[in-house]
Amino acid sequence: MSTTNRKSTEERREALARQVASLISQGRRVETQSDFQAVLIQGHRVNHLLHLILTLLTLVWGLVWLALVIFGGEKRELVQVDEWGNPTVARL
């Protein structure tokens, strides 16, 4: 790889900002962000206290709670921009 294709710090920041803005428009929110990477979250935390109370009251609700724990909740993604300005998104 040639060093002439490397992007400047500002170009890399702009590439990250574009990628983050695109993901925010798809329903994600920023948890943390630095110059060249960001952690985004999609979904919501499971309210365990509420589901415990509902399970104690109905006993059947425990199945719904279990499904939410397995399939629901928050999903995190790491967005990074490399030296050449290429953004990548990876599940955490």
C-alpha atoms as a PDB file:
ATOM      1  CA  MET A   1       0.000   0.000   0.000  1.00  0.00           C
ATOM      2  CA  SER A   2       1.202   3.457  -0.828  1.00  0.00           C
ATOM      3  CA  THR A   3       1.430   6.203   1.784  1.00  0.00           C
ATOM      4  CA  THR A   4       0.199   8.739  -0.791  1.00  0.00           C
ATOM      5  CA  ASN A   5      -3.372   7.410  -0.479  1.00  0.00           C
ATOM      6  CA  ARG A   6      -3.558   7.937   3.259  1.00  0.00           C
ATOM      7  CA  LYS A   7      -6.189  10.416   4.332  1.00  0.00           C
ATOM      8  CA  SER A   8      -5.595  13.391   6.546  1.00  0.00           C
ATOM      9  CA  THR A   9      -6.888  13.479  10.101  1.00  0.00           C
ATOM     10  CA  GLU A  10      -9.706  15.798   9.068  1.00  0.00           C
ATOM     11  CA  GLU A  11     -10.741  13.584   6.138  1.00  0.00           C
ATOM     12  CA  ARG A  12     -10.858  10.557   8.439  1.00  0.00           C
ATOM     13  CA  ARG A  13     -12.970  12.468  10.970  1.00  0.00           C
ATOM     14  CA  GLU A  14     -15.365  13.512   8.212  1.00  0.00           C
ATOM     15  CA  ALA A  15     -15.640   9.923   6.965  1.00  0.00           C
ATOM     16  CA  LEU A  16     -16.496   8.773  10.494  1.00  0.00           C
ATOM     17  CA  ALA A  17     -19.039  11.569  10.881  1.00  0.00           C
ATOM     18  CA  ARG A  18     -20.749  10.564   7.616  1.00  0.00           C
ATOM     19  CA  GLN A  19     -20.894   6.890   8.615  1.00  0.00           C
ATOM     20  CA  VAL A  20     -22.201   7.695  12.103  1.00  0.00           C
ATOM     21  CA  ALA A  21     -24.849  10.044  10.687  1.00  0.00           C
ATOM     22  CA  SER A  22     -25.983   7.314   8.309  1.00  0.00           C
ATOM     23  CA  LEU A  23     -26.320   4.793  11.133  1.00  0.00           C
ATOM     24  CA  ILE A  24     -28.124   7.304  13.369  1.00  0.00           C
ATOM     25  CA  SER A  25     -30.670   7.825  10.596  1.00  0.00           C
ATOM     26  CA  GLN A  26     -31.292   4.052  10.758  1.00  0.00           C
ATOM     27  CA  GLY A  27     -32.222   4.219  14.449  1.00  0.00           C
ATOM     28  CA  ARG A  28     -28.923   3.817  16.276  1.00  0.00           C
ATOM     29  CA  ARG A  29     -27.572   6.161  18.939  1.00  0.00           C
ATOM     30  CA  VAL A  30     -23.996   7.052  19.879  1.00  0.00           C
ATOM     31  CA  GLU A  31     -22.643   5.629  23.129  1.00  0.00           C
ATOM     32  CA  THR A  32     -19.046   6.863  22.783  1.00  0.00           C
ATOM     33  CA  GLN A  33     -17.012   8.508  20.059  1.00  0.00           C
ATOM     34  CA  SER A  34     -13.383   9.470  19.514  1.00  0.00           C
ATOM     35  CA  ASP A  35     -11.555  10.854  16.479  1.00  0.00           C
ATOM     36  CA  PHE A  36     -11.559   7.665  14.397  1.00  0.00           C
ATOM     37  CA  GLN A  37     -14.040   5.301  16.053  1.00  0.00           C
ATOM     38  CA  ALA A  38     -17.463   5.259  17.678  1.00  0.00           C
ATOM     39  CA  VAL A  39     -19.642   2.775  19.523  1.00  0.00           C
ATOM     40  CA  LEU A  40     -23.310   2.856  18.540  1.00  0.00           C
ATOM     41  CA  ILE A  41     -26.280   1.148  20.186  1.00  0.00           C
ATOM     42  CA  GLN A  42     -29.494  -0.124  18.679  1.00  0.00           C
ATOM     43  CA  GLY A  43     -32.448  -1.279  20.765  1.00  0.00           C
ATOM     44  CA  HIS A  44     -33.327  -0.750  24.411  1.00  0.00           C
ATOM     45  CA  ARG A  45     -32.317  -2.367  27.675  1.00  0.00           C
ATOM     46  CA  VAL A  46     -34.681  -4.952  29.109  1.00  0.00           C
ATOM     47  CA  ASN A  47     -36.456  -3.702  32.239  1.00  0.00           C
ATOM     48  CA  HIS A  48     -35.786  -6.736  34.436  1.00  0.00           C
ATOM     49  CA  LEU A  49     -37.659  -5.423  37.490  1.00  0.00           C
ATOM     50  CA  LEU A  50     -40.857  -4.942  35.490  1.00  0.00           C
ATOM     51  CA  HIS A  51     -40.580  -8.396  33.938  1.00  0.00           C
ATOM     52  CA  LEU A  52     -39.882  -9.981  37.344  1.00  0.00           C
ATOM     53  CA  ILE A  53     -43.058  -8.432  38.752  1.00  0.00           C
ATOM     54  CA  LEU A  54     -45.101  -9.537  35.729  1.00  0.00           C
ATOM     55  CA  THR A  55     -43.661 -13.048  36.008  1.00  0.00           C
ATOM     56  CA  LEU A  56     -44.539 -13.271  39.699  1.00  0.00           C
ATOM     57  CA  LEU A  57     -48.085 -12.085  38.970  1.00  0.00           C
ATOM     58  CA  THR A  58     -48.800 -14.255  35.930  1.00  0.00           C
ATOM     59  CA  LEU A  59     -46.122 -17.010  35.924  1.00  0.00           C
ATOM     60  CA  VAL A  60     -46.527 -17.228  32.136  1.00  0.00           C
ATOM     61  CA  TRP A  61     -44.763 -13.911  31.540  1.00  0.00           C
ATOM     62  CA  GLY A  62     -41.438 -15.589  32.262  1.00  0.00           C
ATOM     63  CA  LEU A  63     -41.472 -17.003  28.729  1.00  0.00           C
ATOM     64  CA  VAL A  64     -41.816 -13.509  27.254  1.00  0.00           C
ATOM     65  CA  TRP A  65     -39.052 -12.258  29.553  1.00  0.00           C
ATOM     66  CA  LEU A  66     -36.766 -15.091  28.460  1.00  0.00           C
ATOM     67  CA  ALA A  67     -37.402 -14.305  24.791  1.00  0.00           C
ATOM     68  CA  LEU A  68     -36.590 -10.625  25.392  1.00  0.00           C
ATOM     69  CA  VAL A  69     -33.342 -11.505  27.139  1.00  0.00           C
ATOM     70  CA  ILE A  70     -32.276 -13.800  24.293  1.00  0.00           C
ATOM     71  CA  PHE A  71     -33.454 -11.814  21.257  1.00  0.00           C
ATOM     72  CA  GLY A  72     -34.058  -8.259  22.502  1.00  0.00           C
ATOM     73  CA  GLY A  73     -32.005  -5.745  24.376  1.00  0.00           C
ATOM     74  CA  GLU A  74     -29.234  -3.506  23.162  1.00  0.00           C
ATOM     75  CA  LYS A  75     -26.919  -4.386  20.299  1.00  0.00           C
ATOM     76  CA  ARG A  76     -23.598  -2.543  20.026  1.00  0.00           C
ATOM     77  CA  GLU A  77     -21.546  -1.826  16.916  1.00  0.00           C
ATOM     78  CA  LEU A  78     -18.028  -0.436  16.569  1.00  0.00           C
ATOM     79  CA  VAL A  79     -17.511   1.976  13.675  1.00  0.00           C
ATOM     80  CA  GLN A  80     -13.891   2.676  12.707  1.00  0.00           C
ATOM     81  CA  VAL A  81     -12.141   4.606   9.960  1.00  0.00           C
ATOM     82  CA  ASP A  82      -8.717   3.351   8.874  1.00  0.00           C
ATOM     83  CA  GLU A  83      -5.736   5.369   7.599  1.00  0.00           C
ATOM     84  CA  TRP A  84      -7.122   5.329   4.068  1.00  0.00           C
ATOM     85  CA  GLY A  85     -10.538   6.675   5.076  1.00  0.00           C
ATOM     86  CA  ASN A  86     -12.423   3.378   4.808  1.00  0.00           C
ATOM     87  CA  PRO A  87     -15.160   2.974   7.416  1.00  0.00           C
ATOM     88  CA  THR A  88     -15.907  -0.461   8.884  1.00  0.00           C
ATOM     89  CA  VAL A  89     -18.767  -1.543  11.127  1.00  0.00           C
ATOM     90  CA  ALA A  90     -18.422  -4.555  13.441  1.00  0.00           C
ATOM     91  CA  ARG A  91     -20.817  -6.048  15.983  1.00  0.00           C
ATOM     92  CA  LEU A  92     -19.542  -6.117  19.528  1.00  0.00           C
END
